[in-house]
Amino acid sequence: MSALLEVQDVTVRFGGLTALDNVSADITDGEVVGIIGPNGAGKTTLFNVICGFNRPDTGTLRWQGNALQRHQPRQLAGLGIARTLQGLGLFPHLSVLENVMVGATKHARAWIGSALLALPRGDRDEQQLRKRALEVLSELDVADIADRLPGQLPYGVQKRVALARALVADPKLLLLDEPASGLSNDEMRELADLLRVLKKDVSVLLVEHHMDLVMDVCDRIVVLDFGRVIAAGTPAEVRDDPRVLEAYLGEEVTDADG
C-alpha cells in the first residue's frame, strides 16, 4: 500500500540546535501512527514541518505521491490535512456549533468574518455549514451542546469540540497533538474508542505522552530522541526495544494499566 504522507530524511536546525536529524516516517490510509519521545525529542517540530510552519534544511515531504514544497498552513485543509493543537484554540464568544463551522475552512471564511463582526450572512452557505457541523458533533456524541459556549463545558467535552472542528472538513489525515492531555481515565478510554472508529475514514498521526493510549490505539509507532528516530515498528516491537526503554519508555509501558 502506498503511503499517504512520506517524510524522507528531514533535518531541521535552529541555529546551533538540530531539532530533527535525518528523520523519516510515513503513514498509509486507515492507520493510526504514534510519534513519541522525551520532551525536546523533536515531535512538535516534525508536526510543524508537516504543517508548513517550519521548513526542513534538508529532506523531502510527499503527500499522496506528490512532493510537498513551500506549502503554507492555510493550504492544509485544501490538501486534506487537519490538525488539533495542544491548547483548545476555541473562540470563547462563539457557540460550539459556530466553532465547529469555522473548521470548514474556505467555505467558512466569509461566514466566520461575518459572525465575529455580527454582519449579515448568506443563508444558503450558513445552512450547509450548520448541517455539516451538526453531523460531526452528532458523530462525536456532543450534538446536544451545540448552542453552548465552550467555557460552559467540561474540559473533556471542549476537547471533543476541538476535534469536531478538525473533522468537519473531511480530512484524509488528522494530526493530533497531545489529545489526551487533561483528560480523566474514563475520558481517555472514550478517546481510544473514538480513534478506533475514526481510522475507518481518516488516518491519524498522533503525538502523545500517555503511553497506555499510544500502545492501545496505534498500529505503528515512531520513537524520537534528540531529533533522531531511534526505533519504529508495532507497539510490541517498540515496547521491547532496549533503545526505547533506555531513552524514554521503561516501566511506563510494561505496566500500561498502572
Foldseek 3Di string as FASTA:
>chain_A
DDFQKWWAQFWADDVPATQAGGDIDTHHALFEEEEEFDPSLNPVVVVCCVQQNGPTPDTWMAGRRHTDPNDHNLCQLVSQEFEQDPDLPFDQPQFLLVRLLPLLRPLCPVVVVCVVVVHDDDPVSVVVSSVLLLVLCVVLPNSVRRGPGLVVDDPLVSLSSSVSSRPSSQGQEYEYEASCPPPDPVSLVSVLVVLNVCSVRHYYYYYHDLQLSCLSRGQKYFYGGSNYTPDIGHSVVLVPDVVNCVRDPPVCNVCNVD
